[in-house]
C-alpha cells in the first residue's frame, strides 16, 4: 500500500446475456463487510451506469447491506503485480458462473 487513498478493488467485466448485474450484486454484496475501517480495504461498489446503481441499491436493501457504499465511478488504476492474485481465482468470484465474466 502506498497510502494514496486508493481502495483495493476488483473490476468485473461480464456478458449481461449470460450473467445479470443483479446476480453479480447478490454475490458481491452477500459477502461484503459493513464494518468501517481503512479506505484501502473497505467494501464498496462502483456502479458504471444509473441502471446498475439502481440495481445495486435495490439488492443492497434486500440483503440488508445498505451500509456498503455505492460510489461514483472513477478512473481505474491497475494494481501492482503482487496484488493481482485474485485473477487466479477468488472464493467470491469462483462462486459466480464463469461464462461471460472477466475480472482484473
PDB file of N, CA and C in Angstrom:
ATOM      1  N   UNK A   1       0.843  -1.187   0.000  1.00  0.00           N
ATOM      2  CA  UNK A   1       0.000   0.000   0.000  1.00  0.00           C
ATOM      3  C   UNK A   1       0.880   1.238   0.000  1.00  0.00           C
ATOM      4  N   UNK A   2       0.489   2.190  -0.791  1.00  0.00           N
ATOM      5  CA  UNK A   2       1.253   3.433  -0.884  1.00  0.00           C
ATOM      6  C   UNK A   2       0.588   4.553  -0.108  1.00  0.00           C
ATOM      7  N   UNK A   3      -0.457   4.235   0.677  1.00  0.00           N
ATOM      8  CA  UNK A   3      -1.198   5.255   1.425  1.00  0.00           C
ATOM      9  C   UNK A   3      -1.616   6.413   0.526  1.00  0.00           C
ATOM     10  N   UNK A   4      -2.133   6.073  -0.647  1.00  0.00           N
ATOM     11  CA  UNK A   4      -2.523   7.088  -1.619  1.00  0.00           C
ATOM     12  C   UNK A   4      -4.030   7.294  -1.693  1.00  0.00           C
ATOM     13  N   UNK A   5      -4.786   6.689  -0.771  1.00  0.00           N
ATOM     14  CA  UNK A   5      -6.227   6.864  -0.750  1.00  0.00           C
ATOM     15  C   UNK A   5      -6.996   5.936  -1.665  1.00  0.00           C
ATOM     16  N   UNK A   6      -6.307   5.047  -2.359  1.00  0.00           N
ATOM     17  CA  UNK A   6      -6.991   4.100  -3.237  1.00  0.00           C
ATOM     18  C   UNK A   6      -7.569   2.936  -2.431  1.00  0.00           C
ATOM     19  N   UNK A   7      -8.621   2.359  -2.967  1.00  0.00           N
ATOM     20  CA  UNK A   7      -9.239   1.171  -2.387  1.00  0.00           C
ATOM     21  C   UNK A   7      -8.903  -0.021  -3.271  1.00  0.00           C
ATOM     22  N   UNK A   8      -8.478  -1.110  -2.652  1.00  0.00           N
ATOM     23  CA  UNK A   8      -8.225  -2.329  -3.411  1.00  0.00           C
ATOM     24  C   UNK A   8      -9.571  -2.872  -3.877  1.00  0.00           C
ATOM     25  N   UNK A   9      -9.694  -3.122  -5.172  1.00  0.00           N
ATOM     26  CA  UNK A   9     -10.991  -3.488  -5.741  1.00  0.00           C
ATOM     27  C   UNK A   9     -10.808  -4.442  -6.913  1.00  0.00           C
ATOM     28  N   UNK A  10     -11.909  -5.053  -7.297  1.00  0.00           N
ATOM     29  CA  UNK A  10     -11.966  -5.890  -8.494  1.00  0.00           C
ATOM     30  C   UNK A  10     -12.787  -5.168  -9.541  1.00  0.00           C
ATOM     31  N   UNK A  11     -12.315  -5.177 -10.762  1.00  0.00           N
ATOM     32  CA  UNK A  11     -13.112  -4.684 -11.883  1.00  0.00           C
ATOM     33  C   UNK A  11     -13.647  -5.918 -12.583  1.00  0.00           C
ATOM     34  N   UNK A  12     -14.951  -6.012 -12.667  1.00  0.00           N
ATOM     35  CA  UNK A  12     -15.591  -7.187 -13.252  1.00  0.00           C
ATOM     36  C   UNK A  12     -16.220  -6.797 -14.584  1.00  0.00           C
ATOM     37  N   UNK A  13     -15.852  -7.515 -15.634  1.00  0.00           N
ATOM     38  CA  UNK A  13     -16.498  -7.358 -16.931  1.00  0.00           C
ATOM     39  C   UNK A  13     -17.326  -8.607 -17.164  1.00  0.00           C
ATOM     40  N   UNK A  14     -18.548  -8.422 -17.643  1.00  0.00           N
ATOM     41  CA  UNK A  14     -19.447  -9.564 -17.790  1.00  0.00           C
ATOM     42  C   UNK A  14     -20.332  -9.394 -19.008  1.00  0.00           C
ATOM     43  N   UNK A  15     -20.867 -10.503 -19.464  1.00  0.00           N
ATOM     44  CA  UNK A  15     -21.818 -10.520 -20.569  1.00  0.00           C
ATOM     45  C   UNK A  15     -23.210 -10.568 -19.944  1.00  0.00           C
ATOM     46  N   UNK A  16     -23.985  -9.479 -20.020  1.00  0.00           N
ATOM     47  CA  UNK A  16     -25.304  -9.458 -19.383  1.00  0.00           C
ATOM     48  C   UNK A  16     -26.300 -10.440 -19.994  1.00  0.00           C
ATOM     49  N   UNK A  17     -25.974 -11.004 -21.155  1.00  0.00           N
ATOM     50  CA  UNK A  17     -26.828 -12.046 -21.725  1.00  0.00           C
ATOM     51  C   UNK A  17     -26.614 -13.386 -21.036  1.00  0.00           C
ATOM     52  N   UNK A  18     -25.514 -13.496 -20.303  1.00  0.00           N
ATOM     53  CA  UNK A  18     -25.167 -14.738 -19.622  1.00  0.00           C
ATOM     54  C   UNK A  18     -25.334 -14.602 -18.112  1.00  0.00           C
ATOM     55  N   UNK A  19     -24.933 -13.462 -17.578  1.00  0.00           N
ATOM     56  CA  UNK A  19     -24.925 -13.232 -16.137  1.00  0.00           C
ATOM     57  C   UNK A  19     -25.429 -11.821 -15.875  1.00  0.00           C
ATOM     58  N   UNK A  20     -26.465 -11.682 -15.075  1.00  0.00           N
ATOM     59  CA  UNK A  20     -27.043 -10.360 -14.845  1.00  0.00           C
ATOM     60  C   UNK A  20     -26.279  -9.591 -13.772  1.00  0.00           C
ATOM     61  N   UNK A  21     -26.385  -8.277 -13.832  1.00  0.00           N
ATOM     62  CA  UNK A  21     -25.785  -7.424 -12.803  1.00  0.00           C
ATOM     63  C   UNK A  21     -26.412  -7.733 -11.449  1.00  0.00           C
ATOM     64  N   UNK A  22     -27.691  -8.039 -11.429  1.00  0.00           N
ATOM     65  CA  UNK A  22     -28.380  -8.437 -10.199  1.00  0.00           C
ATOM     66  C   UNK A  22     -27.683  -9.645  -9.569  1.00  0.00           C
ATOM     67  N   UNK A  23     -27.372 -10.660 -10.378  1.00  0.00           N
ATOM     68  CA  UNK A  23     -26.695 -11.857  -9.857  1.00  0.00           C
ATOM     69  C   UNK A  23     -25.317 -11.514  -9.292  1.00  0.00           C
ATOM     70  N   UNK A  24     -24.584 -10.670 -10.010  1.00  0.00           N
ATOM     71  CA  UNK A  24     -23.266 -10.265  -9.529  1.00  0.00           C
ATOM     72  C   UNK A  24     -23.398  -9.526  -8.206  1.00  0.00           C
ATOM     73  N   UNK A  25     -24.339  -8.591  -8.125  1.00  0.00           N
ATOM     74  CA  UNK A  25     -24.516  -7.823  -6.892  1.00  0.00           C
ATOM     75  C   UNK A  25     -24.919  -8.717  -5.726  1.00  0.00           C
ATOM     76  N   UNK A  26     -25.731  -9.712  -5.976  1.00  0.00           N
ATOM     77  CA  UNK A  26     -26.118 -10.632  -4.893  1.00  0.00           C
ATOM     78  C   UNK A  26     -24.899 -11.370  -4.340  1.00  0.00           C
ATOM     79  N   UNK A  27     -24.005 -11.812  -5.207  1.00  0.00           N
ATOM     80  CA  UNK A  27     -22.786 -12.496  -4.753  1.00  0.00           C
ATOM     81  C   UNK A  27     -21.852 -11.521  -4.042  1.00  0.00           C
ATOM     82  N   UNK A  28     -21.629 -10.369  -4.645  1.00  0.00           N
ATOM     83  CA  UNK A  28     -20.691  -9.398  -4.080  1.00  0.00           C
ATOM     84  C   UNK A  28     -21.205  -8.861  -2.749  1.00  0.00           C
ATOM     85  N   UNK A  29     -22.450  -8.415  -2.722  1.00  0.00           N
ATOM     86  CA  UNK A  29     -22.974  -7.791  -1.507  1.00  0.00           C
ATOM     87  C   UNK A  29     -23.236  -8.790  -0.391  1.00  0.00           C
ATOM     88  N   UNK A  30     -23.527 -10.034  -0.728  1.00  0.00           N
ATOM     89  CA  UNK A  30     -23.783 -11.008   0.338  1.00  0.00           C
ATOM     90  C   UNK A  30     -22.536 -11.254   1.177  1.00  0.00           C
ATOM     91  N   UNK A  31     -21.363 -11.048   0.605  1.00  0.00           N
ATOM     92  CA  UNK A  31     -20.134 -11.253   1.375  1.00  0.00           C
ATOM     93  C   UNK A  31     -19.441  -9.944   1.742  1.00  0.00           C
ATOM     94  N   UNK A  32     -20.040  -8.813   1.385  1.00  0.00           N
ATOM     95  CA  UNK A  32     -19.420  -7.518   1.677  1.00  0.00           C
ATOM     96  C   UNK A  32     -19.492  -7.210   3.166  1.00  0.00           C
ATOM     97  N   UNK A  33     -18.435  -6.606   3.656  1.00  0.00           N
ATOM     98  CA  UNK A  33     -18.386  -6.199   5.057  1.00  0.00           C
ATOM     99  C   UNK A  33     -19.016  -4.821   5.206  1.00  0.00           C
ATOM    100  N   UNK A  34     -19.776  -4.628   6.265  1.00  0.00           N
ATOM    101  CA  UNK A  34     -20.348  -3.311   6.550  1.00  0.00           C
ATOM    102  C   UNK A  34     -19.564  -2.610   7.653  1.00  0.00           C
ATOM    103  N   UNK A  35     -18.470  -3.231   8.098  1.00  0.00           N
ATOM    104  CA  UNK A  35     -17.632  -2.601   9.125  1.00  0.00           C
ATOM    105  C   UNK A  35     -16.872  -1.434   8.518  1.00  0.00           C
ATOM    106  N   UNK A  36     -16.701  -0.406   9.314  1.00  0.00           N
ATOM    107  CA  UNK A  36     -15.902   0.741   8.885  1.00  0.00           C
ATOM    108  C   UNK A  36     -14.442   0.450   9.201  1.00  0.00           C
ATOM    109  N   UNK A  37     -13.584   0.851   8.325  1.00  0.00           N
ATOM    110  CA  UNK A  37     -12.163   0.627   8.524  1.00  0.00           C
ATOM    111  C   UNK A  37     -11.374   1.474   7.545  1.00  0.00           C
ATOM    112  N   UNK A  38     -10.183   1.016   7.239  1.00  0.00           N
ATOM    113  CA  UNK A  38      -9.322   1.747   6.320  1.00  0.00           C
ATOM    114  C   UNK A  38      -9.935   1.764   4.917  1.00  0.00           C
ATOM    115  N   UNK A  39      -9.822   2.894   4.251  1.00  0.00           N
ATOM    116  CA  UNK A  39     -10.327   3.044   2.887  1.00  0.00           C
ATOM    117  C   UNK A  39      -9.708   1.988   1.974  1.00  0.00           C
ATOM    118  N   UNK A  40      -8.472   1.625   2.224  1.00  0.00           N
ATOM    119  CA  UNK A  40      -7.776   0.654   1.378  1.00  0.00           C
ATOM    120  C   UNK A  40      -8.522  -0.670   1.306  1.00  0.00           C
ATOM    121  N   UNK A  41      -9.172  -1.065   2.396  1.00  0.00           N
ATOM    122  CA  UNK A  41      -9.798  -2.388   2.467  1.00  0.00           C
ATOM    123  C   UNK A  41     -11.320  -2.357   2.571  1.00  0.00           C
ATOM    124  N   UNK A  42     -11.941  -1.209   2.371  1.00  0.00           N
ATOM    125  CA  UNK A  42     -13.392  -1.135   2.564  1.00  0.00           C
ATOM    126  C   UNK A  42     -14.139  -1.896   1.474  1.00  0.00           C
ATOM    127  N   UNK A  43     -15.328  -2.363   1.829  1.00  0.00           N
ATOM    128  CA  UNK A  43     -16.244  -2.926   0.838  1.00  0.00           C
ATOM    129  C   UNK A  43     -16.988  -1.769   0.197  1.00  0.00           C
ATOM    130  N   UNK A  44     -17.100  -1.774  -1.109  1.00  0.00           N
ATOM    131  CA  UNK A  44     -17.815  -0.724  -1.831  1.00  0.00           C
ATOM    132  C   UNK A  44     -18.163  -1.251  -3.217  1.00  0.00           C
ATOM    133  N   UNK A  45     -19.091  -0.563  -3.865  1.00  0.00           N
ATOM    134  CA  UNK A  45     -19.491  -0.888  -5.236  1.00  0.00           C
ATOM    135  C   UNK A  45     -19.425   0.405  -6.036  1.00  0.00           C
ATOM    136  N   UNK A  46     -18.877   0.323  -7.240  1.00  0.00           N
ATOM    137  CA  UNK A  46     -18.792   1.456  -8.145  1.00  0.00           C
ATOM    138  C   UNK A  46     -19.640   1.166  -9.380  1.00  0.00           C
ATOM    139  N   UNK A  47     -20.961   1.387  -9.319  1.00  0.00           N
ATOM    140  CA  UNK A  47     -21.801   1.147 -10.499  1.00  0.00           C
ATOM    141  C   UNK A  47     -21.323   2.023 -11.660  1.00  0.00           C
ATOM    142  N   UNK A  48     -21.389   1.482 -12.860  1.00  0.00           N
ATOM    143  CA  UNK A  48     -20.908   2.197 -14.040  1.00  0.00           C
ATOM    144  C   UNK A  48     -22.012   2.926 -14.800  1.00  0.00           C
ATOM    145  N   UNK A  49     -23.264   2.639 -14.471  1.00  0.00           N
ATOM    146  CA  UNK A  49     -24.392   3.292 -15.138  1.00  0.00           C
ATOM    147  C   UNK A  49     -25.471   3.584 -14.099  1.00  0.00           C
ATOM    148  N   UNK A  50     -26.388   4.499 -14.409  1.00  0.00           N
ATOM    149  CA  UNK A  50     -27.504   4.739 -13.493  1.00  0.00           C
ATOM    150  C   UNK A  50     -28.338   3.473 -13.248  1.00  0.00           C
ATOM    151  N   UNK A  51     -28.506   2.645 -14.275  1.00  0.00           N
ATOM    152  CA  UNK A  51     -29.276   1.409 -14.105  1.00  0.00           C
ATOM    153  C   UNK A  51     -28.563   0.459 -13.142  1.00  0.00           C
ATOM    154  N   UNK A  52     -27.247   0.337 -13.259  1.00  0.00           N
ATOM    155  CA  UNK A  52     -26.503  -0.502 -12.317  1.00  0.00           C
ATOM    156  C   UNK A  52     -26.631   0.037 -10.894  1.00  0.00           C
ATOM    157  N   UNK A  53     -26.598   1.349 -10.732  1.00  0.00           N
ATOM    158  CA  UNK A  53     -26.750   1.941  -9.399  1.00  0.00           C
ATOM    159  C   UNK A  53     -28.118   1.598  -8.816  1.00  0.00           C
ATOM    160  N   UNK A  54     -29.143   1.652  -9.643  1.00  0.00           N
ATOM    161  CA  UNK A  54     -30.497   1.313  -9.196  1.00  0.00           C
ATOM    162  C   UNK A  54     -30.564  -0.141  -8.740  1.00  0.00           C
ATOM    163  N   UNK A  55     -29.985  -1.043  -9.526  1.00  0.00           N
ATOM    164  CA  UNK A  55     -29.968  -2.469  -9.171  1.00  0.00           C
ATOM    165  C   UNK A  55     -29.171  -2.676  -7.886  1.00  0.00           C
ATOM    166  N   UNK A  56     -28.005  -2.051  -7.789  1.00  0.00           N
ATOM    167  CA  UNK A  56     -27.163  -2.214  -6.599  1.00  0.00           C
ATOM    168  C   UNK A  56     -27.883  -1.725  -5.345  1.00  0.00           C
ATOM    169  N   UNK A  57     -28.569  -0.576  -5.420  1.00  0.00           N
ATOM    170  CA  UNK A  57     -29.325  -0.066  -4.260  1.00  0.00           C
ATOM    171  C   UNK A  57     -30.431  -1.040  -3.861  1.00  0.00           C
ATOM    172  N   UNK A  58     -31.150  -1.563  -4.850  1.00  0.00           N
ATOM    173  CA  UNK A  58     -32.243  -2.494  -4.562  1.00  0.00           C
ATOM    174  C   UNK A  58     -31.721  -3.767  -3.902  1.00  0.00           C
ATOM    175  N   UNK A  59     -30.675  -4.349  -4.476  1.00  0.00           N
ATOM    176  CA  UNK A  59     -30.126  -5.590  -3.928  1.00  0.00           C
ATOM    177  C   UNK A  59     -29.546  -5.340  -2.536  1.00  0.00           C
ATOM    178  N   UNK A  60     -28.846  -4.223  -2.353  1.00  0.00           N
ATOM    179  CA  UNK A  60     -28.293  -3.901  -1.030  1.00  0.00           C
ATOM    180  C   UNK A  60     -29.410  -3.809   0.001  1.00  0.00           C
ATOM    181  N   UNK A  61     -30.520  -3.180  -0.353  1.00  0.00           N
ATOM    182  CA  UNK A  61     -31.651  -3.071   0.572  1.00  0.00           C
ATOM    183  C   UNK A  61     -32.240  -4.442   0.872  1.00  0.00           C
ATOM    184  N   UNK A  62     -32.390  -5.273  -0.147  1.00  0.00           N
ATOM    185  CA  UNK A  62     -32.948  -6.615   0.054  1.00  0.00           C
ATOM    186  C   UNK A  62     -32.068  -7.469   0.958  1.00  0.00           C
ATOM    187  N   UNK A  63     -30.751  -7.270   0.877  1.00  0.00           N
ATOM    188  CA  UNK A  63     -29.814  -8.075   1.665  1.00  0.00           C
ATOM    189  C   UNK A  63     -29.427  -7.419   2.988  1.00  0.00           C
ATOM    190  N   UNK A  64     -29.994  -6.245   3.265  1.00  0.00           N
ATOM    191  CA  UNK A  64     -29.644  -5.541   4.494  1.00  0.00           C
ATOM    192  C   UNK A  64     -28.222  -5.011   4.481  1.00  0.00           C
ATOM    193  N   UNK A  65     -27.728  -4.660   3.314  1.00  0.00           N
ATOM    194  CA  UNK A  65     -26.348  -4.179   3.171  1.00  0.00           C
ATOM    195  C   UNK A  65     -26.312  -2.719   2.714  1.00  0.00           C
ATOM    196  N   UNK A  66     -27.289  -1.921   3.153  1.00  0.00           N
ATOM    197  CA  UNK A  66     -27.350  -0.527   2.732  1.00  0.00           C
ATOM    198  C   UNK A  66     -26.119   0.270   3.166  1.00  0.00           C
ATOM    199  N   UNK A  67     -25.386  -0.222   4.175  1.00  0.00           N
ATOM    200  CA  UNK A  67     -24.204   0.490   4.656  1.00  0.00           C
ATOM    201  C   UNK A  67     -23.020   0.370   3.701  1.00  0.00           C
ATOM    202  N   UNK A  68     -23.064  -0.591   2.776  1.00  0.00           N
ATOM    203  CA  UNK A  68     -21.975  -0.727   1.805  1.00  0.00           C
ATOM    204  C   UNK A  68     -22.070   0.461   0.850  1.00  0.00           C
ATOM    205  N   UNK A  69     -21.015   1.277   0.762  1.00  0.00           N
ATOM    206  CA  UNK A  69     -21.084   2.468  -0.083  1.00  0.00           C
ATOM    207  C   UNK A  69     -21.248   2.131  -1.564  1.00  0.00           C
ATOM    208  N   UNK A  70     -22.127   2.870  -2.226  1.00  0.00           N
ATOM    209  CA  UNK A  70     -22.249   2.844  -3.684  1.00  0.00           C
ATOM    210  C   UNK A  70     -21.631   4.151  -4.153  1.00  0.00           C
ATOM    211  N   UNK A  71     -20.475   4.074  -4.766  1.00  0.00           N
ATOM    212  CA  UNK A  71     -19.687   5.251  -5.092  1.00  0.00           C
ATOM    213  C   UNK A  71     -19.718   5.549  -6.582  1.00  0.00           C
ATOM    214  N   UNK A  72     -19.505   6.823  -6.909  1.00  0.00           N
ATOM    215  CA  UNK A  72     -19.454   7.231  -8.312  1.00  0.00           C
ATOM    216  C   UNK A  72     -18.254   6.580  -8.985  1.00  0.00           C
ATOM    217  N   UNK A  73     -18.435   6.215 -10.252  1.00  0.00           N
ATOM    218  CA  UNK A  73     -17.313   5.597 -10.963  1.00  0.00           C
ATOM    219  C   UNK A  73     -16.174   6.604 -11.060  1.00  0.00           C
ATOM    220  N   UNK A  74     -14.972   6.068 -10.996  1.00  0.00           N
ATOM    221  CA  UNK A  74     -13.769   6.891 -11.044  1.00  0.00           C
ATOM    222  C   UNK A  74     -12.788   6.266 -12.026  1.00  0.00           C
ATOM    223  N   UNK A  75     -11.671   6.925 -12.210  1.00  0.00           N
ATOM    224  CA  UNK A  75     -10.624   6.344 -13.048  1.00  0.00           C
ATOM    225  C   UNK A  75     -10.141   5.054 -12.410  1.00  0.00           C
ATOM    226  N   UNK A  76      -9.860   4.072 -13.253  1.00  0.00           N
ATOM    227  CA  UNK A  76      -9.367   2.777 -12.773  1.00  0.00           C
ATOM    228  C   UNK A  76      -7.845   2.776 -12.825  1.00  0.00           C
ATOM    229  N   UNK A  77      -7.229   2.269 -11.778  1.00  0.00           N
ATOM    230  CA  UNK A  77      -5.772   2.113 -11.734  1.00  0.00           C
ATOM    231  C   UNK A  77      -5.484   0.639 -11.490  1.00  0.00           C
ATOM    232  N   UNK A  78      -4.749   0.019 -12.392  1.00  0.00           N
ATOM    233  CA  UNK A  78      -4.388  -1.383 -12.187  1.00  0.00           C
ATOM    234  C   UNK A  78      -3.531  -1.518 -10.938  1.00  0.00           C
ATOM    235  N   UNK A  79      -3.738  -2.607 -10.246  1.00  0.00           N
ATOM    236  CA  UNK A  79      -2.972  -2.886  -9.032  1.00  0.00           C
ATOM    237  C   UNK A  79      -1.541  -3.266  -9.390  1.00  0.00           C
ATOM    238  N   UNK A  80      -0.682  -3.156  -8.379  1.00  0.00           N
ATOM    239  CA  UNK A  80       0.676  -3.651  -8.548  1.00  0.00           C
ATOM    240  C   UNK A  80       0.592  -5.144  -8.845  1.00  0.00           C
ATOM    241  N   UNK A  81       1.583  -5.658  -9.523  1.00  0.00           N
ATOM    242  CA  UNK A  81       1.580  -7.061  -9.933  1.00  0.00           C
ATOM    243  C   UNK A  81       1.335  -8.006  -8.758  1.00  0.00           C
ATOM    244  N   UNK A  82       1.947  -7.737  -7.616  1.00  0.00           N
ATOM    245  CA  UNK A  82       1.811  -8.647  -6.471  1.00  0.00           C
ATOM    246  C   UNK A  82       0.408  -8.643  -5.875  1.00  0.00           C
ATOM    247  N   UNK A  83      -0.436  -7.688  -6.289  1.00  0.00           N
ATOM    248  CA  UNK A  83      -1.820  -7.655  -5.815  1.00  0.00           C
ATOM    249  C   UNK A  83      -2.778  -8.340  -6.785  1.00  0.00           C
ATOM    250  N   UNK A  84      -2.289  -8.890  -7.862  1.00  0.00           N
ATOM    251  CA  UNK A  84      -3.163  -9.458  -8.889  1.00  0.00           C
ATOM    252  C   UNK A  84      -3.443 -10.939  -8.687  1.00  0.00           C
ATOM    253  N   UNK A  85      -3.274 -11.426  -7.495  1.00  0.00           N
ATOM    254  CA  UNK A  85      -3.517 -12.839  -7.203  1.00  0.00           C
ATOM    255  C   UNK A  85      -4.982 -13.219  -7.381  1.00  0.00           C
ATOM    256  N   UNK A  86      -5.896 -12.271  -7.293  1.00  0.00           N
ATOM    257  CA  UNK A  86      -7.312 -12.598  -7.452  1.00  0.00           C
ATOM    258  C   UNK A  86      -7.638 -13.036  -8.878  1.00  0.00           C
ATOM    259  N   UNK A  87      -6.830 -12.634  -9.833  1.00  0.00           N
ATOM    260  CA  UNK A  87      -7.070 -13.067 -11.212  1.00  0.00           C
ATOM    261  C   UNK A  87      -6.921 -14.579 -11.339  1.00  0.00           C
ATOM    262  N   UNK A  88      -6.183 -15.183 -10.424  1.00  0.00           N
ATOM    263  CA  UNK A  88      -6.009 -16.638 -10.444  1.00  0.00           C
ATOM    264  C   UNK A  88      -7.186 -17.354  -9.805  1.00  0.00           C
ATOM    265  N   UNK A  89      -8.087 -16.603  -9.205  1.00  0.00           N
ATOM    266  CA  UNK A  89      -9.278 -17.192  -8.594  1.00  0.00           C
ATOM    267  C   UNK A  89      -9.483 -16.675  -7.189  1.00  0.00           C
ATOM    268  N   UNK A  90     -10.710 -16.393  -6.856  1.00  0.00           N
ATOM    269  CA  UNK A  90     -11.058 -15.988  -5.502  1.00  0.00           C
ATOM    270  C   UNK A  90     -12.343 -16.709  -5.137  1.00  0.00           C
ATOM    271  N   UNK A  91     -12.509 -16.993  -3.875  1.00  0.00           N
ATOM    272  CA  UNK A  91     -13.715 -17.703  -3.443  1.00  0.00           C
ATOM    273  C   UNK A  91     -14.975 -16.955  -3.850  1.00  0.00           C
ATOM    274  N   UNK A  92     -14.966 -15.632  -3.732  1.00  0.00           N
ATOM    275  CA  UNK A  92     -16.139 -14.844  -4.102  1.00  0.00           C
ATOM    276  C   UNK A  92     -16.461 -15.025  -5.579  1.00  0.00           C
ATOM    277  N   UNK A  93     -15.474 -14.854  -6.422  1.00  0.00           N
ATOM    278  CA  UNK A  93     -15.736 -14.911  -7.856  1.00  0.00           C
ATOM    279  C   UNK A  93     -15.890 -16.325  -8.369  1.00  0.00           C
ATOM    280  N   UNK A  94     -15.252 -17.285  -7.735  1.00  0.00           N
ATOM    281  CA  UNK A  94     -15.420 -18.663  -8.178  1.00  0.00           C
ATOM    282  C   UNK A  94     -16.846 -19.151  -7.956  1.00  0.00           C
ATOM    283  N   UNK A  95     -17.592 -18.482  -7.087  1.00  0.00           N
ATOM    284  CA  UNK A  95     -18.985 -18.846  -6.851  1.00  0.00           C
ATOM    285  C   UNK A  95     -19.885 -18.391  -7.996  1.00  0.00           C
ATOM    286  N   UNK A  96     -19.393 -17.489  -8.839  1.00  0.00           N
ATOM    287  CA  UNK A  96     -20.180 -16.996  -9.966  1.00  0.00           C
ATOM    288  C   UNK A  96     -20.014 -17.921 -11.164  1.00  0.00           C
ATOM    289  N   UNK A  97     -21.042 -18.015 -12.002  1.00  0.00           N
ATOM    290  CA  UNK A  97     -20.892 -18.794 -13.230  1.00  0.00           C
ATOM    291  C   UNK A  97     -19.777 -18.187 -14.085  1.00  0.00           C
ATOM    292  N   UNK A  98     -18.860 -18.985 -14.626  1.00  0.00           N
ATOM    293  CA  UNK A  98     -17.710 -18.436 -15.335  1.00  0.00           C
ATOM    294  C   UNK A  98     -18.025 -17.838 -16.697  1.00  0.00           C
ATOM    295  N   UNK A  99     -19.077 -18.259 -17.345  1.00  0.00           N
ATOM    296  CA  UNK A  99     -19.366 -17.774 -18.699  1.00  0.00           C
ATOM    297  C   UNK A  99     -19.669 -16.283 -18.675  1.00  0.00           C
ATOM    298  N   UNK A 100     -19.046 -15.554 -19.566  1.00  0.00           N
ATOM    299  CA  UNK A 100     -19.327 -14.135 -19.718  1.00  0.00           C
ATOM    300  C   UNK A 100     -18.767 -13.269 -18.617  1.00  0.00           C
ATOM    301  N   UNK A 101     -17.737 -13.723 -17.911  1.00  0.00           N
ATOM    302  CA  UNK A 101     -17.227 -12.977 -16.767  1.00  0.00           C
ATOM    303  C   UNK A 101     -15.713 -12.899 -16.825  1.00  0.00           C
ATOM    304  N   UNK A 102     -15.184 -11.700 -16.652  1.00  0.00           N
ATOM    305  CA  UNK A 102     -13.739 -11.495 -16.530  1.00  0.00           C
ATOM    306  C   UNK A 102     -13.519 -10.558 -15.359  1.00  0.00           C
ATOM    307  N   UNK A 103     -12.431 -10.752 -14.635  1.00  0.00           N
ATOM    308  CA  UNK A 103     -12.106  -9.816 -13.567  1.00  0.00           C
ATOM    309  C   UNK A 103     -10.641  -9.472 -13.638  1.00  0.00           C
ATOM    310  N   UNK A 104     -10.315  -8.288 -13.123  1.00  0.00           N
ATOM    311  CA  UNK A 104      -8.946  -7.766 -13.195  1.00  0.00           C
ATOM    312  C   UNK A 104      -8.494  -7.349 -11.824  1.00  0.00           C
TER     313      UNK A 104
END
